[in-house]
Structures are given as C-alpha cells and as structure tokens.
N, C-alpha and C. Protein backbone atom coordinates (compact mmCIF):
# COMPACT_ATOMS: atom_id res chain seq x y z
N MET A 1 19.97 124.85 103.88
CA MET A 1 20.26 125.53 105.21
C MET A 1 21.47 125.52 105.48
N LEU A 2 22.05 126.29 106.50
CA LEU A 2 23.16 126.79 106.65
C LEU A 2 23.80 125.68 107.66
N THR A 3 25.01 125.85 107.60
CA THR A 3 26.02 124.55 108.93
C THR A 3 26.77 125.82 110.01
N LEU A 4 26.72 125.03 110.61
CA LEU A 4 27.63 125.88 111.78
C LEU A 4 29.00 125.26 111.71
N THR A 5 29.33 124.12 110.66
CA THR A 5 30.67 123.97 110.99
C THR A 5 31.38 124.74 110.60
N SER A 6 32.89 125.15 110.37
CA SER A 6 33.69 125.77 109.95
C SER A 6 34.13 125.46 109.14
N PRO A 7 34.97 126.02 107.60
CA PRO A 7 35.22 125.41 106.62
C PRO A 7 36.96 126.00 106.82
N VAL A 8 37.25 126.62 108.01
CA VAL A 8 38.38 126.87 108.31
C VAL A 8 38.90 125.27 109.76
N GLU A 9 39.74 124.35 108.47
CA GLU A 9 40.23 123.10 109.30
C GLU A 9 41.11 123.31 110.52
N THR A 10 40.87 122.82 111.44
CA THR A 10 41.88 122.95 112.90
C THR A 10 42.52 121.73 113.52
N TRP A 11 42.97 121.28 114.34
CA TRP A 11 42.91 120.36 115.28
C TRP A 11 41.97 119.37 115.70
N ALA A 12 40.75 120.10 116.14
CA ALA A 12 39.75 119.77 116.95
C ALA A 12 39.00 119.21 115.83
N HIS A 13 39.05 119.14 114.40
CA HIS A 13 38.26 118.59 113.57
C HIS A 13 38.75 117.42 113.21
N ARG A 14 39.79 116.87 113.91
CA ARG A 14 40.05 115.32 113.64
C ARG A 14 39.91 114.48 114.88
N LEU A 15 39.09 115.16 115.94
CA LEU A 15 38.87 114.80 116.95
C LEU A 15 37.33 113.95 116.86
N PRO A 16 37.59 112.56 117.38
CA PRO A 16 35.64 112.31 117.40
C PRO A 16 34.74 112.89 117.95
N ALA A 17 33.49 112.92 117.14
CA ALA A 17 32.47 113.80 117.58
C ALA A 17 32.11 113.22 118.72
N GLY A 18 31.85 112.06 119.14
CA GLY A 18 31.36 111.21 120.73
C GLY A 18 32.42 112.09 121.60
N GLY A 19 33.42 112.09 121.67
CA GLY A 19 34.34 112.49 122.64
C GLY A 19 34.21 113.92 123.06
N LYS A 20 33.94 115.14 121.52
CA LYS A 20 33.99 116.32 122.30
C LYS A 20 32.42 116.68 123.07
N LEU A 21 31.38 115.69 122.11
CA LEU A 21 30.21 116.18 123.24
C LEU A 21 30.03 115.76 123.83
N ALA A 22 30.68 114.53 124.78
CA ALA A 22 31.39 114.11 126.26
C ALA A 22 31.73 115.05 126.91
N ALA A 23 33.17 115.72 126.46
CA ALA A 23 33.64 116.52 127.42
C ALA A 23 32.89 117.94 127.27
N LEU A 24 31.92 118.21 126.50
CA LEU A 24 31.44 119.51 126.60
C LEU A 24 30.27 119.17 127.28
N ALA A 25 29.49 118.15 127.90
CA ALA A 25 28.53 117.87 128.96
C ALA A 25 29.29 117.76 130.21
N VAL A 26 30.37 117.50 130.41
CA VAL A 26 31.26 117.30 131.78
C VAL A 26 31.64 119.02 131.99
N VAL A 27 32.46 119.74 131.09
CA VAL A 27 32.86 121.05 131.18
C VAL A 27 31.71 122.22 131.66
N THR A 28 30.36 121.82 130.76
CA THR A 28 29.55 122.75 131.15
C THR A 28 28.90 122.54 132.59
N THR A 29 28.60 120.88 133.05
CA THR A 29 28.08 120.82 134.01
C THR A 29 29.06 121.31 135.23
N ALA A 30 30.26 121.28 135.12
CA ALA A 30 31.26 121.62 136.02
C ALA A 30 31.27 123.28 136.26
N LEU A 31 30.55 123.99 135.12
CA LEU A 31 30.54 125.63 135.12
C LEU A 31 29.68 126.03 135.96
N PHE A 32 28.77 125.22 136.01
CA PHE A 32 27.27 125.57 136.66
C PHE A 32 27.44 124.63 138.26
N LEU A 33 28.61 124.23 138.28
CA LEU A 33 28.62 123.71 139.71
C LEU A 33 30.04 124.72 140.63
N VAL A 34 30.81 125.46 139.75
CA VAL A 34 31.52 126.34 140.14
C VAL A 34 30.73 127.51 140.57
N GLY A 35 31.12 128.26 141.57
CA GLY A 35 30.64 129.32 141.94
C GLY A 35 31.92 130.61 142.21
N SER A 36 33.19 130.58 141.95
CA SER A 36 34.07 131.12 142.34
C SER A 36 34.23 131.98 140.94
N PRO A 37 34.06 133.38 141.10
CA PRO A 37 34.12 134.09 139.51
C PRO A 37 35.63 134.34 138.98
N TRP A 38 36.76 133.84 139.93
CA TRP A 38 38.06 133.42 139.30
C TRP A 38 38.04 132.45 138.69
N LEU A 39 37.78 131.43 139.26
CA LEU A 39 37.72 130.22 138.27
C LEU A 39 36.70 130.07 137.24
N LEU A 40 35.91 130.85 136.85
CA LEU A 40 34.91 130.97 135.89
C LEU A 40 35.80 132.01 134.62
N ALA A 41 36.67 132.74 135.44
CA ALA A 41 37.26 133.81 134.44
C ALA A 41 38.39 133.10 133.95
N GLY A 42 38.85 132.34 134.92
CA GLY A 42 39.88 131.18 134.50
C GLY A 42 39.37 130.53 133.33
N ALA A 43 37.99 129.61 133.22
CA ALA A 43 37.38 129.11 132.23
C ALA A 43 37.43 129.83 131.21
N PHE A 44 37.05 130.79 131.17
CA PHE A 44 36.65 131.82 129.84
C PHE A 44 37.84 132.63 129.44
N ALA A 45 38.76 132.32 130.13
CA ALA A 45 40.58 132.39 129.14
C ALA A 45 40.75 131.31 128.42
N GLY A 46 40.34 130.32 129.36
CA GLY A 46 41.07 128.85 128.71
C GLY A 46 40.01 128.60 127.50
N THR A 47 38.98 129.46 127.32
CA THR A 47 37.85 129.08 126.03
C THR A 47 38.33 129.92 125.04
N ALA A 48 38.91 131.11 125.28
CA ALA A 48 39.21 132.24 124.32
C ALA A 48 40.65 131.62 123.67
N PHE A 49 41.48 131.24 124.39
CA PHE A 49 42.84 130.31 124.23
C PHE A 49 42.20 129.14 123.26
N LEU A 50 41.15 128.27 123.36
CA LEU A 50 40.69 127.13 122.88
C LEU A 50 40.45 127.81 121.47
N TYR A 51 39.87 128.91 121.10
CA TYR A 51 39.43 129.47 119.69
C TYR A 51 40.59 129.70 118.76
N LEU A 52 41.58 130.53 119.83
CA LEU A 52 42.83 130.85 119.06
C LEU A 52 43.91 130.29 118.71
N THR A 53 43.52 128.91 119.29
CA THR A 53 44.77 127.53 118.82
C THR A 53 44.28 127.29 117.17
N GLY A 54 42.83 127.78 116.60
CA GLY A 54 42.18 127.28 115.35
C GLY A 54 42.72 128.20 114.63
N GLY A 55 43.41 129.34 115.19
CA GLY A 55 43.77 130.66 113.99
C GLY A 55 43.18 131.59 113.85
N VAL A 56 43.32 133.05 113.37
CA VAL A 56 42.97 134.06 113.56
C VAL A 56 41.46 134.02 112.90
N ALA A 57 41.68 133.39 111.77
CA ALA A 57 40.10 133.54 110.90
C ALA A 57 39.37 132.41 111.63
N PHE A 58 39.55 131.42 112.38
CA PHE A 58 38.61 130.57 112.94
C PHE A 58 37.94 130.88 114.06
N SER A 59 39.00 131.98 114.69
CA SER A 59 38.53 132.83 116.24
C SER A 59 37.67 133.80 115.55
N GLN A 60 37.85 134.38 114.56
CA GLN A 60 36.82 135.41 114.24
C GLN A 60 35.79 135.40 113.44
N ALA A 61 35.46 134.04 112.95
CA ALA A 61 34.54 133.17 112.69
C ALA A 61 33.54 132.99 113.93
N GLY A 62 34.33 132.29 114.99
CA GLY A 62 33.43 131.82 116.12
C GLY A 62 32.76 133.10 116.86
N LEU A 63 33.88 134.13 117.06
CA LEU A 63 33.35 135.66 117.41
C LEU A 63 32.26 136.18 116.63
N ARG A 64 32.16 135.83 115.25
CA ARG A 64 30.55 136.15 114.54
C ARG A 64 29.75 135.47 114.94
N GLN A 65 29.41 134.08 115.28
CA GLN A 65 28.50 133.42 115.68
C GLN A 65 27.93 133.72 117.23
N LEU A 66 28.84 134.44 118.10
CA LEU A 66 28.68 134.76 119.46
C LEU A 66 28.39 135.96 119.29
N TRP A 67 28.34 136.79 118.45
CA TRP A 67 27.69 138.09 118.67
C TRP A 67 26.41 138.33 118.95
N PRO A 68 25.50 137.56 118.56
CA PRO A 68 24.47 137.77 119.03
C PRO A 68 23.60 137.46 120.38
N LEU A 69 24.71 136.93 121.27
CA LEU A 69 24.81 136.99 122.64
C LEU A 69 24.94 138.43 123.51
N TRP A 70 24.82 139.62 122.59
CA TRP A 70 25.59 140.69 123.17
C TRP A 70 23.91 141.14 124.14
N PRO A 71 23.11 141.03 123.09
CA PRO A 71 21.97 141.70 124.28
C PRO A 71 21.61 141.39 125.41
N PHE A 72 21.86 139.62 125.80
CA PHE A 72 21.44 138.93 126.62
C PHE A 72 22.70 139.38 128.05
N VAL A 73 24.27 139.49 127.26
CA VAL A 73 24.98 139.93 128.56
C VAL A 73 24.79 141.39 128.74
N LEU A 74 24.20 142.06 127.98
CA LEU A 74 23.95 143.60 128.43
C LEU A 74 22.59 144.09 129.17
N ILE A 75 21.62 142.86 129.36
CA ILE A 75 20.79 143.16 129.89
C ILE A 75 21.10 142.39 131.34
N VAL A 76 21.63 141.32 131.33
CA VAL A 76 22.11 140.90 132.62
C VAL A 76 23.18 141.52 133.62
N GLY A 77 24.12 142.11 132.91
CA GLY A 77 25.21 143.07 132.96
C GLY A 77 23.98 144.26 134.00
N LEU A 78 23.47 145.18 132.72
CA LEU A 78 23.02 145.91 133.85
C LEU A 78 22.17 145.80 134.85
N TRP A 79 21.36 144.51 135.11
CA TRP A 79 20.29 144.46 135.80
C TRP A 79 21.55 144.18 137.64
N HIS A 80 22.36 143.44 137.14
CA HIS A 80 23.31 143.26 138.82
C HIS A 80 24.04 144.43 138.99
N LEU A 81 24.22 145.19 137.69
CA LEU A 81 24.60 146.40 138.71
C LEU A 81 24.22 147.28 138.99
N TRP A 82 22.29 147.70 138.57
CA TRP A 82 21.40 147.98 139.30
C TRP A 82 21.02 147.28 140.70
N ALA A 83 21.19 146.32 140.72
CA ALA A 83 21.15 145.45 141.75
C ALA A 83 22.17 145.46 142.97
N ALA A 84 23.14 145.96 142.63
CA ALA A 84 24.58 146.11 143.35
C ALA A 84 25.12 144.83 143.33
N GLU A 85 25.19 143.82 142.56
CA GLU A 85 25.13 142.50 142.66
C GLU A 85 26.58 141.83 141.90
N VAL A 86 27.64 142.79 141.85
CA VAL A 86 28.64 142.99 140.72
C VAL A 86 29.30 141.56 140.38
N VAL A 87 29.60 141.00 141.97
CA VAL A 87 30.55 139.64 141.93
C VAL A 87 29.47 138.27 141.15
N GLN A 88 28.26 138.45 141.60
CA GLN A 88 26.95 137.52 140.88
C GLN A 88 26.82 137.74 140.00
N GLY A 89 26.93 138.81 139.29
CA GLY A 89 26.91 138.76 138.26
C GLY A 89 27.46 138.62 136.96
N ALA A 90 29.00 139.13 137.41
CA ALA A 90 29.86 138.46 136.92
C ALA A 90 30.27 137.21 136.55
N ALA A 91 29.99 136.06 137.77
CA ALA A 91 29.81 135.25 137.93
C ALA A 91 28.69 134.47 136.65
N ILE A 92 27.68 135.29 136.86
CA ILE A 92 26.55 134.70 135.66
C ILE A 92 26.87 134.94 134.17
N LEU A 93 27.60 135.81 133.83
CA LEU A 93 28.12 136.50 132.41
C LEU A 93 29.21 135.41 132.16
N LEU A 94 29.94 135.05 132.95
CA LEU A 94 31.23 133.93 132.46
C LEU A 94 30.87 133.23 132.03
N ARG A 95 29.77 132.32 133.29
CA ARG A 95 29.40 131.05 132.89
C ARG A 95 28.78 130.76 131.69
N MET A 96 27.61 131.63 131.54
CA MET A 96 26.82 131.48 130.38
C MET A 96 27.27 131.96 129.29
N VAL A 97 28.77 132.72 128.74
CA VAL A 97 29.27 132.95 127.65
C VAL A 97 30.68 131.97 127.35
N SER A 98 31.17 131.49 128.40
CA SER A 98 31.91 130.29 128.56
C SER A 98 30.91 128.66 127.74
N ALA A 99 29.94 128.78 128.21
CA ALA A 99 29.16 127.49 128.14
C ALA A 99 28.81 127.85 126.65
N VAL A 100 28.00 128.77 126.32
CA VAL A 100 27.66 128.77 124.97
C VAL A 100 28.72 129.00 124.14
N ALA A 101 30.21 129.93 123.88
CA ALA A 101 31.47 129.73 123.55
C ALA A 101 31.68 128.40 123.28
N LEU A 102 31.67 127.29 124.19
CA LEU A 102 32.22 126.05 124.08
C LEU A 102 31.50 125.23 123.37
N ALA A 103 30.15 125.31 123.64
CA ALA A 103 28.78 124.37 122.65
C ALA A 103 29.45 124.86 121.01
N ASN A 104 29.74 126.22 121.08
CA ASN A 104 29.50 127.00 119.45
C ASN A 104 30.75 126.16 118.81
N PHE A 105 32.05 125.94 119.76
CA PHE A 105 33.76 125.53 118.95
C PHE A 105 33.09 124.25 118.80
N VAL A 106 32.43 123.62 119.42
CA VAL A 106 32.40 122.06 119.35
C VAL A 106 31.36 121.71 117.82
N THR A 107 30.13 122.53 117.41
CA THR A 107 29.59 122.73 116.78
C THR A 107 30.34 123.32 115.22
N MET A 108 31.23 124.24 115.85
CA MET A 108 32.03 124.40 114.67
C MET A 108 33.24 123.55 114.58
N THR A 109 33.53 122.41 115.03
CA THR A 109 34.56 121.63 114.56
C THR A 109 33.84 120.24 114.43
N THR A 110 32.60 119.87 114.56
CA THR A 110 32.27 118.90 114.43
C THR A 110 31.36 118.70 112.96
N ARG A 111 31.35 118.11 112.19
CA ARG A 111 30.27 117.67 110.91
C ARG A 111 28.84 117.43 111.56
N LEU A 112 27.90 117.89 110.60
CA LEU A 112 26.44 117.40 111.17
C LEU A 112 26.47 115.75 111.36
N SER A 113 26.91 115.33 110.19
CA SER A 113 26.45 113.81 109.63
C SER A 113 27.45 112.89 111.34
N ASP A 114 28.49 113.25 111.58
CA ASP A 114 29.13 112.98 112.52
C ASP A 114 28.16 113.29 114.02
N MET A 115 27.76 114.15 114.48
CA MET A 115 26.91 114.41 115.19
C MET A 115 25.64 113.71 115.49
N LEU A 116 24.92 113.68 113.69
CA LEU A 116 23.81 112.64 114.08
C LEU A 116 23.91 111.15 114.13
N ALA A 117 25.16 110.71 113.62
CA ALA A 117 25.71 109.52 113.83
C ALA A 117 26.00 109.13 115.76
N VAL A 118 26.34 110.09 116.37
CA VAL A 118 26.11 110.04 117.93
C VAL A 118 25.27 109.81 118.68
N PHE A 119 24.38 111.12 118.12
CA PHE A 119 22.87 111.03 118.76
C PHE A 119 21.67 109.73 118.44
N GLU A 120 22.18 109.13 117.06
CA GLU A 120 21.56 108.26 116.74
C GLU A 120 21.73 106.75 117.46
N ARG A 121 23.45 106.90 118.17
CA ARG A 121 23.88 105.47 119.10
C ARG A 121 23.22 105.95 120.40
N LEU A 122 23.01 107.00 120.92
CA LEU A 122 22.30 107.26 122.51
C LEU A 122 21.26 107.12 122.09
N ALA A 123 20.37 107.33 121.25
CA ALA A 123 19.39 107.27 121.27
C ALA A 123 18.40 105.61 121.07
N ARG A 124 19.65 104.89 120.80
CA ARG A 124 19.18 103.04 120.37
C ARG A 124 18.68 102.89 121.73
N PRO A 125 18.83 102.75 123.17
CA PRO A 125 17.76 102.36 123.76
C PRO A 125 16.56 102.75 124.06
N LEU A 126 16.09 104.03 122.92
CA LEU A 126 14.60 104.12 123.13
C LEU A 126 13.99 103.50 121.47
N SER A 127 14.74 102.73 120.85
CA SER A 127 13.90 102.03 119.76
C SER A 127 12.59 101.31 119.99
N PRO A 128 12.15 100.95 121.18
CA PRO A 128 11.00 100.37 121.22
C PRO A 128 9.60 101.76 121.08
N ILE A 129 10.03 102.77 121.61
CA ILE A 129 9.14 103.90 121.56
C ILE A 129 9.22 104.50 120.27
N LEU A 130 10.55 105.05 120.09
CA LEU A 130 10.79 105.84 119.22
C LEU A 130 12.03 105.68 118.00
N PRO A 131 12.10 105.51 116.93
CA PRO A 131 13.17 105.30 116.21
C PRO A 131 14.07 106.26 116.28
N PRO A 132 15.54 105.52 116.50
CA PRO A 132 16.74 106.62 116.87
C PRO A 132 17.20 107.69 115.48
N ARG A 133 16.75 107.27 114.60
CA ARG A 133 17.19 108.05 113.38
C ARG A 133 16.23 109.10 113.23
N ARG A 134 14.97 109.03 113.67
CA ARG A 134 14.09 110.50 113.97
C ARG A 134 14.52 111.31 115.09
N LEU A 135 14.86 110.51 116.24
CA LEU A 135 15.11 111.48 117.25
C LEU A 135 16.53 112.25 116.95
N ALA A 136 17.28 111.39 116.41
CA ALA A 136 18.86 112.21 116.00
C ALA A 136 18.65 113.21 114.71
N LEU A 137 17.67 112.81 113.90
CA LEU A 137 16.95 113.85 112.70
C LEU A 137 16.58 115.24 113.20
N ALA A 138 15.70 114.90 114.35
CA ALA A 138 15.32 116.21 115.47
C ALA A 138 16.40 117.14 115.67
N PHE A 139 17.30 116.11 116.28
CA PHE A 139 18.61 117.27 116.97
C PHE A 139 19.21 117.87 115.58
N ALA A 140 19.10 116.94 115.01
CA ALA A 140 20.10 117.94 113.60
C ALA A 140 19.47 119.26 113.40
N LEU A 141 18.17 118.95 113.12
CA LEU A 141 17.59 120.09 112.30
C LEU A 141 17.97 121.18 113.41
N VAL A 142 17.58 121.05 114.74
CA VAL A 142 17.59 121.72 115.54
C VAL A 142 18.52 122.97 115.61
N ILE A 143 19.96 121.66 115.33
CA ILE A 143 21.16 122.51 115.10
C ILE A 143 20.99 123.48 114.09
N ARG A 144 20.51 122.70 112.73
CA ARG A 144 20.52 123.06 111.60
C ARG A 144 19.72 124.57 111.63
N PHE A 145 18.70 124.74 112.30
CA PHE A 145 17.86 125.81 112.72
C PHE A 145 18.57 126.98 112.91
N ILE A 146 18.93 126.95 113.75
CA ILE A 146 19.83 128.08 114.78
C ILE A 146 20.28 129.28 113.73
N PRO A 147 21.39 128.81 113.16
CA PRO A 147 22.07 130.01 111.95
C PRO A 147 20.90 130.89 111.43
N VAL A 148 19.97 129.74 110.30
CA VAL A 148 18.86 130.32 109.92
C VAL A 148 17.90 131.28 110.15
N MET A 149 17.71 130.81 111.72
CA MET A 149 16.89 131.76 112.22
C MET A 149 17.41 132.93 112.55
N LEU A 150 19.02 132.83 113.22
CA LEU A 150 19.30 134.20 113.45
C LEU A 150 19.61 135.28 112.17
N ASP A 151 19.82 134.55 111.01
CA ASP A 151 20.04 135.58 109.87
C ASP A 151 18.43 135.59 109.54
N ARG A 152 17.41 135.35 109.75
CA ARG A 152 16.06 135.46 109.40
C ARG A 152 15.66 136.62 109.83
N MET A 153 15.88 136.65 111.08
CA MET A 153 15.79 138.01 112.35
C MET A 153 16.69 139.10 111.76
N GLY A 154 17.77 138.87 111.68
CA GLY A 154 18.57 140.39 111.17
C GLY A 154 17.77 140.49 110.07
N LEU A 155 17.20 139.92 108.99
CA LEU A 155 16.83 140.52 107.53
C LEU A 155 15.32 141.07 108.08
N ILE A 156 14.83 140.40 108.87
CA ILE A 156 13.49 140.96 109.55
C ILE A 156 13.58 142.54 109.60
N ARG A 157 14.90 142.44 111.00
CA ARG A 157 15.28 143.61 111.43
C ARG A 157 15.24 144.94 110.46
N GLN A 158 16.12 144.32 109.51
CA GLN A 158 16.96 145.37 108.76
C GLN A 158 15.81 145.85 107.45
N SER A 159 14.82 145.11 107.44
CA SER A 159 13.55 145.50 106.70
C SER A 159 12.34 146.51 107.62
N TRP A 160 12.56 146.21 108.76
CA TRP A 160 11.63 147.26 109.23
C TRP A 160 12.61 148.64 109.53
N THR A 161 13.55 148.40 109.73
CA THR A 161 14.55 149.83 109.98
C THR A 161 14.46 150.38 108.80
N ALA A 162 14.55 149.60 107.41
CA ALA A 162 14.13 150.76 106.18
C ALA A 162 13.24 151.25 105.84
N ARG A 163 12.24 150.67 106.57
CA ARG A 163 10.42 151.32 106.48
C ARG A 163 10.10 152.18 107.83
N SER A 164 10.86 152.42 108.68
CA SER A 164 9.96 152.81 109.94
C SER A 164 11.21 153.56 110.79
N PRO A 165 11.01 154.43 111.22
CA PRO A 165 11.94 155.49 111.85
C PRO A 165 12.00 154.60 113.47
N ARG A 166 10.42 154.21 113.87
CA ARG A 166 10.84 153.40 115.16
C ARG A 166 11.73 151.83 115.48
N ALA A 167 11.94 151.69 116.61
CA ALA A 167 12.81 150.29 117.10
C ALA A 167 11.98 149.71 116.67
N PRO A 168 11.85 148.06 115.70
CA PRO A 168 11.24 146.94 115.74
C PRO A 168 11.17 146.25 116.91
N ARG A 169 11.84 146.42 117.97
CA ARG A 169 11.42 145.32 119.04
C ARG A 169 10.86 144.33 118.93
N TRP A 170 9.26 143.77 119.93
CA TRP A 170 8.94 142.80 120.08
C TRP A 170 7.94 142.87 118.52
N ARG A 171 7.55 143.55 117.67
CA ARG A 171 6.80 143.91 116.31
C ARG A 171 7.72 142.74 115.63
N VAL A 172 8.87 142.45 115.49
CA VAL A 172 9.57 141.32 114.65
C VAL A 172 9.16 139.84 114.85
N MET A 173 8.74 139.42 115.64
CA MET A 173 8.28 138.22 116.49
C MET A 173 7.61 137.47 116.16
N VAL A 174 6.32 137.82 115.62
CA VAL A 174 5.00 137.12 114.36
C VAL A 174 5.79 137.09 112.78
N PRO A 175 6.65 138.08 112.28
CA PRO A 175 6.98 137.75 111.19
C PRO A 175 8.01 136.02 111.05
N ALA A 176 8.96 136.30 112.31
CA ALA A 176 9.80 135.81 112.40
C ALA A 176 8.91 133.93 112.79
N THR A 177 7.96 134.16 113.66
CA THR A 177 7.69 132.99 113.94
C THR A 177 7.11 132.41 112.42
N LEU A 178 6.03 133.11 111.59
CA LEU A 178 5.64 133.05 110.50
C LEU A 178 6.51 132.10 109.42
N ALA A 179 8.27 132.75 109.27
CA ALA A 179 8.88 132.26 108.80
C ALA A 179 9.45 131.03 108.92
N ALA A 180 9.59 130.74 110.45
CA ALA A 180 10.07 129.36 110.84
C ALA A 180 9.26 128.57 110.67
N LEU A 181 7.85 129.10 110.78
CA LEU A 181 6.66 127.46 110.33
C LEU A 181 6.65 127.64 108.94
N ASP A 182 7.00 128.34 108.18
CA ASP A 182 7.05 128.02 106.89
C ASP A 182 8.48 127.48 106.54
N ASP A 183 9.54 127.92 107.15
CA ASP A 183 10.47 127.16 106.78
C ASP A 183 10.30 125.27 107.26
N ALA A 184 9.84 125.23 108.37
CA ALA A 184 9.29 123.97 108.84
C ALA A 184 8.74 122.97 107.96
N ASP A 185 7.86 123.62 107.35
CA ASP A 185 6.78 123.19 106.40
C ASP A 185 7.81 122.61 104.80
N ARG A 186 8.58 123.21 104.75
CA ARG A 186 9.42 123.10 103.61
C ARG A 186 10.31 122.19 103.89
N VAL A 187 10.83 121.93 104.76
CA VAL A 187 11.56 120.89 105.09
C VAL A 187 10.97 119.48 105.41
N ALA A 188 9.74 119.68 105.71
CA ALA A 188 8.74 118.20 106.26
C ALA A 188 8.60 118.04 104.54
N GLU A 189 8.35 118.87 103.79
CA GLU A 189 8.29 118.24 102.32
C GLU A 189 9.18 117.52 101.64
N ALA A 190 10.29 118.14 101.80
CA ALA A 190 11.16 117.53 101.68
C ALA A 190 11.94 116.22 101.98
N LEU A 191 11.31 116.36 103.53
CA LEU A 191 11.91 115.37 104.00
C LEU A 191 10.81 114.08 103.44
N ARG A 192 9.60 114.53 103.54
CA ARG A 192 8.67 113.27 102.50
C ARG A 192 8.85 113.07 101.56
N ALA A 193 9.57 113.95 100.25
CA ALA A 193 9.82 113.49 98.99
C ALA A 193 11.19 112.78 98.78
N ARG A 194 12.03 112.63 99.89
CA ARG A 194 12.92 111.68 99.98
C ARG A 194 12.59 109.92 100.69
N GLY A 195 11.08 110.18 101.28
CA GLY A 195 11.20 109.05 101.75
C GLY A 195 11.15 109.20 103.50
N GLY A 196 11.02 110.27 103.83
CA GLY A 196 10.81 110.33 105.11
C GLY A 196 12.06 110.56 106.04
N ALA A 197 12.02 110.35 107.54
CA ALA A 197 13.55 110.34 108.34
C ALA A 197 14.05 108.93 108.07
N GLY A 198 13.08 108.05 108.05
CA GLY A 198 14.02 106.55 108.01
C GLY A 198 13.56 106.03 109.03
C-alpha cells in the first residue's frame, strides 16, 4: 500500500512524532474555537508558510495530496454565497483547509512506524480491554488506506469516463466500496499469514 510520508527530507522529519501529533491536536482544537475570519486567514497563511519551509518539491507534493478537497471547498463556498453568508463561509473554509493541511503536513513528515509507536503508547491504559498493538495497527491501516482509496476512486472515475459520456457521480460508490472490501480482505489475509496483529 501507499504511504503519505514524503520522500523529500525536511526539518520536520527530524522532530519526534509524539510532539508533532500533540501540537496538531492543540492547533486543530484552537482552529475550531476561533471564530474570527482574520485570525483563521492568518492560520491559513501560517500553514502555507509551513509547507514552503520544506521547499518547492515538498510544497507541490503537499498540494497534490490536498487537491481532492476542492469539491468540498466548491460546494461549501457556493452554498454560503447563495445563502449570503460570505463571512461565515470564509471562516468555515479557512478552518477546514487549514486543519486538513496541518494534518497532511504531520503525516508527510512522520514515518508510519513512529505514529504506530505513539498510538501504541497512548492505548496502553486500554490493555485490559483491547491489546494496544491491535488498536495502533487499526489507526495505521486507516492512515494507509486513505491514499489507496483516493487513487482507486480516481481510476474508477477514469474507467467510467472512458466508457460513458455521462458523469459518474454516485455510480462509482458501489465499485469503490467493493474495492475497499476486497483490499480489506487481502490485508486481513496478509496479517493472518504473518501471525496476526500481535
């Protein structure tokens, strides 16, 4: 499966995973507590600058991973324009894009094995109910499957477009769901072949 970690080495790659995840949790919470569009615009500008500190190649890779957000941005923007709530719409969009971009920055600069170790430490109090390793592995698999499913959806849309003049819209949901279930079965078989999640 694909990984979100960027091959372009940046200063953020050398920071500990736990610190980055904690900072992400604090900043994301602050974004949802702030209501001023000007403060949110400043947060958005700061996020863009954060990407630029990694260089042009890193910024372009981050932008490519954020590109699937554009339909949500378009729908939310048009809705608030129609409702004449431009200020509220701008605040929602700035908050959403900044939060997702910051999460993407953390995943691009953190190895999955390091994230897995953090999740495992955090899940240790739940060990009498659920083995921490399994819970951490579940988080890791969710992160791994995001780019896989986005890529699969793109391929399904391309296949539909090549065979039909109509827009695919909701019709791609069934094959995408079946593909996700098939991938889940294969991952489960691979885990069983290696002795399970531990």
